[in-house]
């Protein structure tokens, strides 16, 4: 082997060693460093270094994971059987604990352990509640209690429980009729309360509308009487002014109007003294 070949092999060996020494940990990953198979330290996201052939790096998915548990049969406080289907959202927060508790970071071991604990928590929480509380009670409170209860144990696996939800609750066949009737009764009660509130609101609106109508009519009547009074006063003043301007002419026009109204129909008969003031202008015209 000549010197050039030896140099090439040496360069390749150095490049390989450098490549084996560099470890890149993404933000979405959790990673630990093992030295000769034993835990050494947890690696931070970014660029890290290790000793080739001595150190080993194991990476885990650090993003949110979903565990869908199979339906499980549980009993309520009244010993009523229910089939509960739930799921859990979790993520790894402690890579060292997760590696140790799951036999080297085996996902199957972690999820089997979580499934067993989920079933236990569901049995405990549902066993504290009646069927009525499960069906129409505080569902958010139930979910929060399940999440907190499971979260207390999840730390032993190095994971954090982000969410715990019950997807579906199925009842045994003999319970369905009673549950549906109870739900129907509850909905009818709520509907009747809403109808009563609607009727009360309608009565208030009608009463207010009638009140406003009465006020408007009263104001309109008062205003019309005022306008009519002003008109009558103006007419009276106009008549008085006209009468004062020429009383003789005013008296004459009033007499003509009286004649016209009296002899409007041909069959009308009037018995009166010829010397009465009623015929004053007629007698005067004959004298003229």
Foldseek 3Di string as FASTA:
>chain_A
DDPVVVVVVVVVVVVVQVVQFKDAAAPQKWKFKAFQNHTDGTDDHGIGTDGPPGIDMDMDGFDKDKAWAAWDWAAALVRFIKTWTKMFIKGAQAVVLLCVQQVRNDPVSLNVVLNVVLVVLVNVLRNDHDPCCCPPNDQVVSFVSSQVVSQVVCVSNRMGTPGMDTPDMGGDPVCPVVVVVVVVVVVVVVVVVVVVVVVVVVVVVVVVVVVVVVVVVVVVVVVVVVVVVVVVVVVVVVLVVVCVVPVVVSVVVVLVVVVCVQPVDVPHDDDDDCPDPSCVVVVVVVVD
